[in-house]
Amino acid sequence: MSSPGFTGTGAAATLRALNPMNKLVIPALICAVAPFAHAADTREQLAETLLEVSGTRRVSEEAMNNMTAMIMRQIGDTAKMPATMRPKMQRAIERITALMREEMGWEKLRPEMVRIYAATYTAEEMQAAITFYNSPAGKSFAAKTPAVSLKSTEIGMKRGVTLGPRIQRIMQEEMTKPDAPEAPASAPETPAPVALPR
């Protein structure tokens, strides 16, 4: 047996009674949520603009090219390889380069960078930065940033080359040292005798 309050007639009456409330609640919810959604969209749009005017895309592309060139140098000069190995190595280099550009290219990084900027900076901060980068000083700063980034990378690589042998020497020294003898376990202390009252 169905409950009288949930018969067809009762359900229709209940819906009719709720309709006026829905007309008030639903618009109120939309109005409450809309500013947050709009703010998020605004921050993402500002992040897109900031990434462009600050030269971040150019820096990323330069870093990608430098990284690819470094890997190619580490792989070696194909001219010094046996003739039978050169085509194979060339194909490997082409595949590696394509993979790196696909996975680490700007189009792959851009959405993640937008999310990071939008989550880290406020709209006011990004707008102020955009204003600076659109100024003559800001444009000059952005234009010089890729060269500064390249030189910074070169410094880091030189430091790495210098530190590499030293790090390897420290590791070798520590690995070849004889194990230190373990200290003998100390005997447990004997508790002092307790004087009994006479």
N, C-alpha and C. Protein backbone atom coordinates (compact mmCIF):
# COMPACT_ATOMS: atom_id res chain seq x y z
N MET A 1 0.85 -1.19 0.00
CA MET A 1 0.00 0.00 0.00
C MET A 1 0.88 1.24 0.00
N SER A 2 0.59 2.18 -0.85
CA SER A 2 1.40 3.38 -0.94
C SER A 2 0.92 4.39 0.09
N SER A 3 1.84 5.23 0.51
CA SER A 3 1.50 6.26 1.49
C SER A 3 0.62 7.31 0.85
N PRO A 4 -0.37 7.82 1.55
CA PRO A 4 -1.28 8.80 0.95
C PRO A 4 -0.55 10.06 0.49
N GLY A 5 0.56 10.39 1.19
CA GLY A 5 1.26 11.62 0.82
C GLY A 5 2.04 11.49 -0.46
N PHE A 6 2.22 10.27 -1.01
CA PHE A 6 3.03 10.08 -2.19
C PHE A 6 2.25 9.48 -3.34
N THR A 7 0.92 9.66 -3.32
CA THR A 7 0.11 9.27 -4.46
C THR A 7 0.39 10.24 -5.59
N GLY A 8 -0.12 9.92 -6.76
CA GLY A 8 0.09 10.80 -7.90
C GLY A 8 -0.40 12.20 -7.62
N THR A 9 -1.57 12.31 -7.04
CA THR A 9 -2.13 13.63 -6.75
C THR A 9 -1.30 14.34 -5.69
N GLY A 10 -0.87 13.57 -4.66
CA GLY A 10 -0.08 14.17 -3.58
C GLY A 10 1.27 14.63 -4.08
N ALA A 11 1.92 13.86 -4.96
CA ALA A 11 3.23 14.24 -5.49
C ALA A 11 3.11 15.51 -6.32
N ALA A 12 2.06 15.60 -7.15
CA ALA A 12 1.88 16.80 -7.97
C ALA A 12 1.68 18.02 -7.09
N ALA A 13 0.92 17.84 -6.01
CA ALA A 13 0.68 18.97 -5.11
C ALA A 13 1.98 19.39 -4.43
N THR A 14 2.80 18.38 -4.07
CA THR A 14 4.08 18.70 -3.42
C THR A 14 4.98 19.47 -4.36
N LEU A 15 5.06 19.05 -5.62
CA LEU A 15 5.89 19.75 -6.61
C LEU A 15 5.41 21.18 -6.82
N ARG A 16 4.06 21.34 -6.87
CA ARG A 16 3.53 22.68 -7.05
C ARG A 16 3.89 23.56 -5.87
N ALA A 17 3.91 22.95 -4.67
CA ALA A 17 4.24 23.73 -3.48
C ALA A 17 5.72 24.12 -3.48
N LEU A 18 6.61 23.27 -4.07
CA LEU A 18 8.04 23.53 -4.07
C LEU A 18 8.45 24.49 -5.18
N ASN A 19 7.62 24.60 -6.21
CA ASN A 19 8.01 25.42 -7.35
C ASN A 19 8.33 26.86 -6.96
N PRO A 20 7.52 27.52 -6.16
CA PRO A 20 7.89 28.90 -5.78
C PRO A 20 9.23 28.97 -5.06
N MET A 21 9.53 27.96 -4.23
CA MET A 21 10.81 27.94 -3.53
C MET A 21 11.96 27.74 -4.51
N ASN A 22 11.74 26.85 -5.51
CA ASN A 22 12.79 26.63 -6.51
C ASN A 22 13.12 27.92 -7.25
N LYS A 23 12.08 28.71 -7.52
CA LYS A 23 12.31 29.96 -8.24
C LYS A 23 13.17 30.92 -7.45
N LEU A 24 13.19 30.74 -6.12
CA LEU A 24 14.01 31.61 -5.29
C LEU A 24 15.40 31.00 -5.03
N VAL A 25 15.44 29.69 -4.77
CA VAL A 25 16.69 29.04 -4.36
C VAL A 25 17.66 28.91 -5.51
N ILE A 26 17.17 28.43 -6.67
CA ILE A 26 18.07 28.16 -7.79
C ILE A 26 18.77 29.43 -8.27
N PRO A 27 18.04 30.53 -8.52
CA PRO A 27 18.76 31.76 -8.90
C PRO A 27 19.74 32.23 -7.84
N ALA A 28 19.37 32.03 -6.56
CA ALA A 28 20.28 32.45 -5.49
C ALA A 28 21.57 31.66 -5.54
N LEU A 29 21.48 30.33 -5.78
CA LEU A 29 22.67 29.49 -5.89
C LEU A 29 23.52 29.90 -7.07
N ILE A 30 22.87 30.20 -8.19
CA ILE A 30 23.61 30.62 -9.39
C ILE A 30 24.35 31.92 -9.11
N CYS A 31 23.67 32.85 -8.46
CA CYS A 31 24.29 34.14 -8.17
C CYS A 31 25.45 33.98 -7.19
N ALA A 32 25.35 32.99 -6.28
CA ALA A 32 26.42 32.78 -5.31
C ALA A 32 27.64 32.14 -5.95
N VAL A 33 27.44 31.24 -6.91
CA VAL A 33 28.55 30.51 -7.52
C VAL A 33 29.17 31.30 -8.66
N ALA A 34 28.39 32.07 -9.38
CA ALA A 34 28.88 32.75 -10.59
C ALA A 34 30.09 33.63 -10.35
N PRO A 35 30.16 34.44 -9.27
CA PRO A 35 31.35 35.27 -9.09
C PRO A 35 32.64 34.48 -8.96
N PHE A 36 32.56 33.29 -8.28
CA PHE A 36 33.77 32.47 -8.13
C PHE A 36 34.21 31.92 -9.48
N ALA A 37 33.26 31.46 -10.29
CA ALA A 37 33.61 30.95 -11.61
C ALA A 37 34.18 32.05 -12.48
N HIS A 38 33.57 33.24 -12.40
CA HIS A 38 34.07 34.36 -13.20
C HIS A 38 35.47 34.77 -12.75
N ALA A 39 35.71 34.75 -11.43
CA ALA A 39 37.03 35.11 -10.91
C ALA A 39 38.09 34.13 -11.38
N ALA A 40 37.73 32.84 -11.40
CA ALA A 40 38.69 31.82 -11.87
C ALA A 40 39.00 32.04 -13.35
N ASP A 41 37.95 32.32 -14.15
CA ASP A 41 38.17 32.58 -15.58
C ASP A 41 39.05 33.81 -15.78
N THR A 42 38.79 34.84 -14.98
CA THR A 42 39.58 36.07 -15.10
C THR A 42 41.04 35.80 -14.78
N ARG A 43 41.30 35.04 -13.71
CA ARG A 43 42.69 34.74 -13.34
C ARG A 43 43.38 33.93 -14.42
N GLU A 44 42.67 32.98 -15.03
CA GLU A 44 43.28 32.18 -16.09
C GLU A 44 43.59 33.03 -17.32
N GLN A 45 42.68 33.96 -17.65
CA GLN A 45 42.94 34.85 -18.78
C GLN A 45 44.13 35.75 -18.51
N LEU A 46 44.22 36.26 -17.29
CA LEU A 46 45.35 37.10 -16.92
C LEU A 46 46.65 36.29 -16.93
N ALA A 47 46.56 35.05 -16.48
CA ALA A 47 47.75 34.19 -16.50
C ALA A 47 48.24 33.95 -17.92
N GLU A 48 47.31 33.71 -18.83
CA GLU A 48 47.67 33.54 -20.25
C GLU A 48 48.40 34.78 -20.76
N THR A 49 47.84 35.95 -20.47
CA THR A 49 48.45 37.20 -20.94
C THR A 49 49.82 37.41 -20.31
N LEU A 50 49.93 37.15 -19.02
CA LEU A 50 51.19 37.36 -18.32
C LEU A 50 52.28 36.43 -18.85
N LEU A 51 51.94 35.19 -19.11
CA LEU A 51 52.92 34.25 -19.66
C LEU A 51 53.44 34.72 -21.01
N GLU A 52 52.57 35.36 -21.77
CA GLU A 52 52.97 35.82 -23.10
C GLU A 52 53.83 37.08 -23.01
N VAL A 53 53.35 38.10 -22.29
CA VAL A 53 54.07 39.38 -22.28
C VAL A 53 55.37 39.31 -21.48
N SER A 54 55.47 38.36 -20.55
CA SER A 54 56.68 38.25 -19.74
C SER A 54 57.79 37.49 -20.44
N GLY A 55 57.47 36.91 -21.59
CA GLY A 55 58.49 36.16 -22.32
C GLY A 55 58.69 34.75 -21.82
N THR A 56 57.79 34.26 -20.96
CA THR A 56 57.94 32.91 -20.41
C THR A 56 57.92 31.86 -21.50
N ARG A 57 57.08 32.06 -22.51
CA ARG A 57 57.03 31.09 -23.61
C ARG A 57 58.37 31.04 -24.33
N ARG A 58 58.96 32.19 -24.60
CA ARG A 58 60.25 32.21 -25.29
C ARG A 58 61.34 31.55 -24.46
N VAL A 59 61.30 31.80 -23.16
CA VAL A 59 62.29 31.18 -22.27
C VAL A 59 62.14 29.67 -22.28
N SER A 60 60.89 29.20 -22.24
CA SER A 60 60.63 27.76 -22.26
C SER A 60 61.13 27.13 -23.55
N GLU A 61 60.87 27.79 -24.67
CA GLU A 61 61.31 27.25 -25.95
C GLU A 61 62.83 27.24 -26.06
N GLU A 62 63.49 28.29 -25.55
CA GLU A 62 64.95 28.32 -25.55
C GLU A 62 65.51 27.21 -24.68
N ALA A 63 64.90 27.01 -23.51
CA ALA A 63 65.35 25.95 -22.61
C ALA A 63 65.19 24.59 -23.26
N MET A 64 64.09 24.42 -24.00
CA MET A 64 63.86 23.15 -24.70
C MET A 64 64.95 22.91 -25.74
N ASN A 65 65.27 23.94 -26.50
CA ASN A 65 66.31 23.80 -27.52
C ASN A 65 67.67 23.51 -26.89
N ASN A 66 67.97 24.18 -25.79
CA ASN A 66 69.25 23.95 -25.12
C ASN A 66 69.35 22.54 -24.55
N MET A 67 68.24 22.08 -23.98
CA MET A 67 68.24 20.73 -23.42
C MET A 67 68.44 19.69 -24.51
N THR A 68 67.76 19.90 -25.63
CA THR A 68 67.90 18.96 -26.76
C THR A 68 69.33 18.95 -27.26
N ALA A 69 69.93 20.14 -27.39
CA ALA A 69 71.31 20.20 -27.87
C ALA A 69 72.27 19.53 -26.89
N MET A 70 72.03 19.69 -25.60
CA MET A 70 72.89 19.07 -24.60
C MET A 70 72.81 17.55 -24.68
N ILE A 71 71.61 17.03 -24.85
CA ILE A 71 71.46 15.58 -24.96
C ILE A 71 72.14 15.06 -26.22
N MET A 72 72.02 15.83 -27.28
CA MET A 72 72.66 15.41 -28.52
C MET A 72 74.19 15.38 -28.37
N ARG A 73 74.72 16.34 -27.62
CA ARG A 73 76.17 16.35 -27.39
C ARG A 73 76.59 15.15 -26.55
N GLN A 74 75.76 14.79 -25.58
CA GLN A 74 76.08 13.64 -24.74
C GLN A 74 76.03 12.34 -25.53
N ILE A 75 75.10 12.26 -26.46
CA ILE A 75 75.00 11.05 -27.28
C ILE A 75 76.26 10.88 -28.12
N GLY A 76 76.78 12.00 -28.64
CA GLY A 76 78.03 11.92 -29.38
C GLY A 76 77.85 12.26 -30.84
N ASP A 77 78.97 12.41 -31.49
CA ASP A 77 79.02 12.75 -32.91
C ASP A 77 78.87 11.49 -33.74
N THR A 78 77.83 11.48 -34.56
CA THR A 78 77.59 10.27 -35.37
C THR A 78 78.69 10.07 -36.41
N ALA A 79 79.43 11.13 -36.76
CA ALA A 79 80.49 10.98 -37.77
C ALA A 79 81.60 10.08 -37.28
N LYS A 80 81.76 9.95 -35.96
CA LYS A 80 82.82 9.11 -35.41
C LYS A 80 82.40 7.65 -35.26
N MET A 81 81.17 7.35 -35.58
CA MET A 81 80.67 5.99 -35.42
C MET A 81 80.93 5.18 -36.68
N PRO A 82 80.89 3.86 -36.55
CA PRO A 82 80.99 3.03 -37.75
C PRO A 82 79.86 3.36 -38.72
N ALA A 83 80.14 3.21 -40.00
CA ALA A 83 79.15 3.60 -41.02
C ALA A 83 77.84 2.86 -40.86
N THR A 84 77.89 1.60 -40.40
CA THR A 84 76.66 0.82 -40.26
C THR A 84 75.79 1.32 -39.10
N MET A 85 76.39 2.01 -38.13
CA MET A 85 75.65 2.48 -36.96
C MET A 85 75.06 3.87 -37.15
N ARG A 86 75.59 4.64 -38.11
CA ARG A 86 75.15 6.03 -38.25
C ARG A 86 73.67 6.17 -38.56
N PRO A 87 73.11 5.42 -39.52
CA PRO A 87 71.66 5.57 -39.78
C PRO A 87 70.81 5.24 -38.56
N LYS A 88 71.22 4.21 -37.82
CA LYS A 88 70.45 3.82 -36.64
C LYS A 88 70.50 4.91 -35.57
N MET A 89 71.70 5.46 -35.35
CA MET A 89 71.83 6.52 -34.35
C MET A 89 71.06 7.77 -34.79
N GLN A 90 71.09 8.08 -36.07
CA GLN A 90 70.37 9.24 -36.57
C GLN A 90 68.87 9.08 -36.36
N ARG A 91 68.35 7.88 -36.60
CA ARG A 91 66.93 7.63 -36.37
C ARG A 91 66.59 7.77 -34.89
N ALA A 92 67.48 7.26 -34.04
CA ALA A 92 67.26 7.36 -32.59
C ALA A 92 67.24 8.82 -32.15
N ILE A 93 68.16 9.61 -32.68
CA ILE A 93 68.22 11.03 -32.33
C ILE A 93 66.95 11.75 -32.76
N GLU A 94 66.47 11.46 -33.95
CA GLU A 94 65.25 12.09 -34.45
C GLU A 94 64.05 11.73 -33.59
N ARG A 95 63.97 10.47 -33.16
CA ARG A 95 62.85 10.04 -32.33
C ARG A 95 62.92 10.68 -30.94
N ILE A 96 64.14 10.77 -30.40
CA ILE A 96 64.30 11.39 -29.07
C ILE A 96 63.92 12.85 -29.13
N THR A 97 64.38 13.54 -30.17
CA THR A 97 64.06 14.97 -30.32
C THR A 97 62.55 15.18 -30.45
N ALA A 98 61.91 14.36 -31.26
CA ALA A 98 60.46 14.48 -31.44
C ALA A 98 59.72 14.21 -30.14
N LEU A 99 60.19 13.21 -29.39
CA LEU A 99 59.54 12.88 -28.12
C LEU A 99 59.67 14.04 -27.13
N MET A 100 60.85 14.61 -27.05
CA MET A 100 61.05 15.71 -26.12
C MET A 100 60.20 16.92 -26.49
N ARG A 101 60.12 17.23 -27.76
CA ARG A 101 59.31 18.38 -28.18
C ARG A 101 57.82 18.12 -27.95
N GLU A 102 57.43 16.86 -28.07
CA GLU A 102 56.02 16.53 -27.85
C GLU A 102 55.65 16.61 -26.38
N GLU A 103 56.52 16.10 -25.51
CA GLU A 103 56.19 16.02 -24.09
C GLU A 103 56.59 17.26 -23.30
N MET A 104 57.57 18.02 -23.80
CA MET A 104 58.08 19.16 -23.04
C MET A 104 57.97 20.46 -23.82
N GLY A 105 57.28 20.44 -24.95
CA GLY A 105 57.08 21.67 -25.72
C GLY A 105 56.12 22.61 -25.01
N TRP A 106 56.09 23.86 -25.48
CA TRP A 106 55.28 24.88 -24.81
C TRP A 106 53.80 24.55 -24.81
N GLU A 107 53.28 23.99 -25.89
CA GLU A 107 51.85 23.67 -25.94
C GLU A 107 51.47 22.64 -24.90
N LYS A 108 52.43 21.80 -24.51
CA LYS A 108 52.18 20.81 -23.47
C LYS A 108 52.28 21.45 -22.07
N LEU A 109 53.22 22.39 -21.94
CA LEU A 109 53.45 23.00 -20.64
C LEU A 109 52.47 24.14 -20.34
N ARG A 110 51.97 24.80 -21.39
CA ARG A 110 51.17 26.01 -21.20
C ARG A 110 49.98 25.82 -20.26
N PRO A 111 49.12 24.81 -20.45
CA PRO A 111 47.97 24.67 -19.54
C PRO A 111 48.39 24.51 -18.09
N GLU A 112 49.47 23.79 -17.84
CA GLU A 112 49.92 23.60 -16.47
C GLU A 112 50.47 24.91 -15.90
N MET A 113 51.19 25.66 -16.72
CA MET A 113 51.70 26.95 -16.26
C MET A 113 50.57 27.92 -15.96
N VAL A 114 49.54 27.91 -16.79
CA VAL A 114 48.38 28.78 -16.55
C VAL A 114 47.74 28.44 -15.21
N ARG A 115 47.57 27.16 -14.93
CA ARG A 115 46.97 26.75 -13.66
C ARG A 115 47.84 27.18 -12.48
N ILE A 116 49.16 27.04 -12.62
CA ILE A 116 50.06 27.42 -11.53
C ILE A 116 49.98 28.92 -11.27
N TYR A 117 50.04 29.71 -12.34
CA TYR A 117 49.97 31.16 -12.18
C TYR A 117 48.63 31.58 -11.57
N ALA A 118 47.54 31.02 -12.09
CA ALA A 118 46.21 31.41 -11.62
C ALA A 118 46.00 31.02 -10.15
N ALA A 119 46.62 29.92 -9.74
CA ALA A 119 46.46 29.48 -8.35
C ALA A 119 47.41 30.20 -7.40
N THR A 120 48.50 30.76 -7.92
CA THR A 120 49.52 31.36 -7.07
C THR A 120 49.34 32.87 -6.92
N TYR A 121 49.03 33.55 -8.02
CA TYR A 121 48.95 35.00 -8.01
C TYR A 121 47.49 35.46 -8.01
N THR A 122 47.26 36.60 -7.37
CA THR A 122 45.93 37.19 -7.42
C THR A 122 45.77 37.93 -8.75
N ALA A 123 44.52 38.26 -9.06
CA ALA A 123 44.26 39.00 -10.29
C ALA A 123 44.96 40.36 -10.26
N GLU A 124 44.97 40.99 -9.09
CA GLU A 124 45.62 42.30 -8.97
C GLU A 124 47.12 42.19 -9.22
N GLU A 125 47.75 41.14 -8.68
CA GLU A 125 49.19 40.96 -8.88
C GLU A 125 49.53 40.71 -10.34
N MET A 126 48.74 39.87 -10.99
CA MET A 126 49.01 39.60 -12.39
C MET A 126 48.77 40.83 -13.26
N GLN A 127 47.72 41.60 -12.94
CA GLN A 127 47.45 42.81 -13.72
C GLN A 127 48.59 43.81 -13.56
N ALA A 128 49.14 43.92 -12.34
CA ALA A 128 50.27 44.84 -12.12
C ALA A 128 51.49 44.37 -12.90
N ALA A 129 51.73 43.06 -12.93
CA ALA A 129 52.87 42.53 -13.68
C ALA A 129 52.69 42.75 -15.18
N ILE A 130 51.48 42.57 -15.66
CA ILE A 130 51.20 42.80 -17.09
C ILE A 130 51.44 44.26 -17.44
N THR A 131 51.01 45.15 -16.56
CA THR A 131 51.24 46.58 -16.79
C THR A 131 52.74 46.87 -16.89
N PHE A 132 53.52 46.25 -16.01
CA PHE A 132 54.97 46.46 -16.07
C PHE A 132 55.55 45.93 -17.37
N TYR A 133 55.19 44.71 -17.75
CA TYR A 133 55.77 44.10 -18.95
C TYR A 133 55.32 44.81 -20.23
N ASN A 134 54.24 45.55 -20.17
CA ASN A 134 53.81 46.34 -21.33
C ASN A 134 54.48 47.70 -21.39
N SER A 135 55.21 48.06 -20.34
CA SER A 135 55.94 49.32 -20.32
C SER A 135 57.26 49.15 -21.08
N PRO A 136 57.91 50.24 -21.47
CA PRO A 136 59.20 50.12 -22.17
C PRO A 136 60.23 49.33 -21.37
N ALA A 137 60.32 49.60 -20.06
CA ALA A 137 61.27 48.86 -19.23
C ALA A 137 60.91 47.38 -19.16
N GLY A 138 59.61 47.10 -19.04
CA GLY A 138 59.18 45.71 -18.97
C GLY A 138 59.44 44.95 -20.25
N LYS A 139 59.20 45.60 -21.39
CA LYS A 139 59.46 44.96 -22.68
C LYS A 139 60.95 44.66 -22.85
N SER A 140 61.79 45.60 -22.42
CA SER A 140 63.23 45.38 -22.48
C SER A 140 63.64 44.23 -21.56
N PHE A 141 63.06 44.21 -20.37
CA PHE A 141 63.34 43.14 -19.41
C PHE A 141 62.97 41.78 -19.99
N ALA A 142 61.77 41.69 -20.58
CA ALA A 142 61.31 40.42 -21.14
C ALA A 142 62.17 39.99 -22.32
N ALA A 143 62.60 40.97 -23.13
CA ALA A 143 63.41 40.64 -24.30
C ALA A 143 64.77 40.08 -23.90
N LYS A 144 65.29 40.52 -22.76
CA LYS A 144 66.61 40.08 -22.32
C LYS A 144 66.56 38.81 -21.47
N THR A 145 65.38 38.43 -21.02
CA THR A 145 65.25 37.29 -20.12
C THR A 145 65.76 35.97 -20.73
N PRO A 146 65.45 35.64 -21.99
CA PRO A 146 65.97 34.38 -22.54
C PRO A 146 67.49 34.30 -22.51
N ALA A 147 68.18 35.41 -22.83
CA ALA A 147 69.65 35.40 -22.81
C ALA A 147 70.16 35.19 -21.39
N VAL A 148 69.52 35.85 -20.41
CA VAL A 148 69.92 35.67 -19.02
C VAL A 148 69.70 34.23 -18.58
N SER A 149 68.56 33.66 -18.98
CA SER A 149 68.26 32.27 -18.63
C SER A 149 69.29 31.32 -19.23
N LEU A 150 69.68 31.58 -20.48
CA LEU A 150 70.68 30.73 -21.13
C LEU A 150 72.02 30.80 -20.39
N LYS A 151 72.44 32.02 -20.05
CA LYS A 151 73.71 32.17 -19.34
C LYS A 151 73.65 31.51 -17.96
N SER A 152 72.50 31.62 -17.30
CA SER A 152 72.34 30.98 -15.99
C SER A 152 72.45 29.46 -16.12
N THR A 153 71.85 28.92 -17.17
CA THR A 153 71.94 27.48 -17.41
C THR A 153 73.38 27.06 -17.68
N GLU A 154 74.10 27.86 -18.45
CA GLU A 154 75.50 27.54 -18.75
C GLU A 154 76.34 27.55 -17.47
N ILE A 155 76.07 28.52 -16.58
CA ILE A 155 76.80 28.56 -15.31
C ILE A 155 76.53 27.29 -14.50
N GLY A 156 75.25 26.90 -14.45
CA GLY A 156 74.90 25.69 -13.71
C GLY A 156 75.57 24.45 -14.29
N MET A 157 75.64 24.37 -15.63
CA MET A 157 76.27 23.22 -16.27
C MET A 157 77.76 23.20 -15.98
N LYS A 158 78.42 24.38 -16.02
CA LYS A 158 79.84 24.43 -15.72
C LYS A 158 80.11 24.01 -14.28
N ARG A 159 79.27 24.48 -13.37
CA ARG A 159 79.41 24.08 -11.97
C ARG A 159 79.23 22.57 -11.82
N GLY A 160 78.27 22.04 -12.56
CA GLY A 160 78.04 20.60 -12.50
C GLY A 160 79.24 19.81 -13.00
N VAL A 161 79.86 20.28 -14.08
CA VAL A 161 81.04 19.60 -14.61
C VAL A 161 82.18 19.64 -13.59
N THR A 162 82.33 20.78 -12.90
CA THR A 162 83.39 20.91 -11.89
C THR A 162 83.11 20.04 -10.67
N LEU A 163 81.85 20.02 -10.25
CA LEU A 163 81.50 19.27 -9.04
C LEU A 163 81.44 17.77 -9.27
N GLY A 164 81.17 17.35 -10.51
CA GLY A 164 81.01 15.92 -10.77
C GLY A 164 82.17 15.07 -10.28
N PRO A 165 83.41 15.35 -10.70
CA PRO A 165 84.54 14.53 -10.23
C PRO A 165 84.73 14.59 -8.72
N ARG A 166 84.48 15.76 -8.13
CA ARG A 166 84.65 15.88 -6.68
C ARG A 166 83.62 15.04 -5.94
N ILE A 167 82.38 15.07 -6.44
CA ILE A 167 81.33 14.23 -5.82
C ILE A 167 81.68 12.77 -5.96
N GLN A 168 82.17 12.38 -7.14
CA GLN A 168 82.54 10.98 -7.37
C GLN A 168 83.69 10.57 -6.45
N ARG A 169 84.67 11.48 -6.23
CA ARG A 169 85.80 11.17 -5.35
C ARG A 169 85.34 10.97 -3.91
N ILE A 170 84.43 11.84 -3.44
CA ILE A 170 83.91 11.70 -2.08
C ILE A 170 83.20 10.37 -1.92
N MET A 171 82.37 10.02 -2.90
CA MET A 171 81.65 8.74 -2.83
C MET A 171 82.63 7.57 -2.77
N GLN A 172 83.69 7.63 -3.60
CA GLN A 172 84.66 6.54 -3.63
C GLN A 172 85.41 6.44 -2.31
N GLU A 173 85.78 7.60 -1.74
CA GLU A 173 86.49 7.59 -0.47
C GLU A 173 85.65 6.97 0.63
N GLU A 174 84.38 7.37 0.68
CA GLU A 174 83.51 6.86 1.75
C GLU A 174 83.20 5.38 1.57
N MET A 175 83.06 4.96 0.32
CA MET A 175 82.72 3.55 0.07
C MET A 175 83.90 2.61 0.35
N THR A 176 85.12 3.14 0.25
CA THR A 176 86.30 2.29 0.44
C THR A 176 86.87 2.37 1.85
N LYS A 177 86.33 3.21 2.69
CA LYS A 177 86.81 3.29 4.07
C LYS A 177 86.42 2.02 4.83
N PRO A 178 87.35 1.52 5.69
CA PRO A 178 86.98 0.34 6.50
C PRO A 178 85.87 0.70 7.48
N ASP A 179 85.06 -0.29 7.76
CA ASP A 179 83.97 -0.05 8.70
C ASP A 179 84.54 0.27 10.08
N ALA A 180 83.99 1.23 10.75
CA ALA A 180 84.41 1.58 12.11
C ALA A 180 83.96 0.49 13.06
N PRO A 181 84.86 0.08 14.00
CA PRO A 181 84.46 -0.97 14.96
C PRO A 181 83.30 -0.49 15.82
N GLU A 182 82.42 -1.42 16.08
CA GLU A 182 81.28 -1.06 16.90
C GLU A 182 81.70 -0.89 18.35
N ALA A 183 81.17 0.10 19.00
CA ALA A 183 81.48 0.33 20.41
C ALA A 183 80.86 -0.78 21.25
N PRO A 184 81.64 -1.31 22.22
CA PRO A 184 81.07 -2.38 23.06
C PRO A 184 79.87 -1.89 23.84
N ALA A 185 78.96 -2.79 24.00
CA ALA A 185 77.75 -2.41 24.74
C ALA A 185 78.11 -2.19 26.20
N SER A 186 77.66 -1.10 26.75
CA SER A 186 77.96 -0.80 28.16
C SER A 186 77.11 -1.69 29.06
N ALA A 187 77.78 -2.13 30.19
CA ALA A 187 77.07 -2.99 31.14
C ALA A 187 75.99 -2.19 31.84
N PRO A 188 74.87 -2.82 32.12
CA PRO A 188 73.81 -2.09 32.82
C PRO A 188 74.26 -1.65 34.20
N GLU A 189 73.87 -0.46 34.58
CA GLU A 189 74.27 0.07 35.88
C GLU A 189 73.57 -0.70 36.99
N THR A 190 74.39 -1.00 38.06
CA THR A 190 73.83 -1.70 39.22
C THR A 190 73.15 -0.69 40.12
N PRO A 191 71.91 -0.88 40.44
CA PRO A 191 71.24 0.11 41.30
C PRO A 191 71.87 0.15 42.69
N ALA A 192 71.95 1.33 43.26
CA ALA A 192 72.52 1.49 44.62
C ALA A 192 71.64 0.81 45.62
N PRO A 193 72.27 0.18 46.63
CA PRO A 193 71.45 -0.50 47.66
C PRO A 193 70.61 0.49 48.45
N VAL A 194 69.44 0.07 48.80
CA VAL A 194 68.52 0.91 49.55
C VAL A 194 68.71 0.63 51.03
N ALA A 195 69.00 1.69 51.80
CA ALA A 195 69.20 1.52 53.25
C ALA A 195 67.86 1.27 53.93
N LEU A 196 67.80 0.21 54.71
CA LEU A 196 66.57 -0.13 55.43
C LEU A 196 66.57 0.56 56.80
N PRO A 197 65.46 1.03 57.23
CA PRO A 197 65.39 1.66 58.56
C PRO A 197 65.66 0.65 59.68
N ARG A 198 66.41 1.07 60.73
CA ARG A 198 66.71 0.16 61.86
C ARG A 198 65.59 0.17 62.87
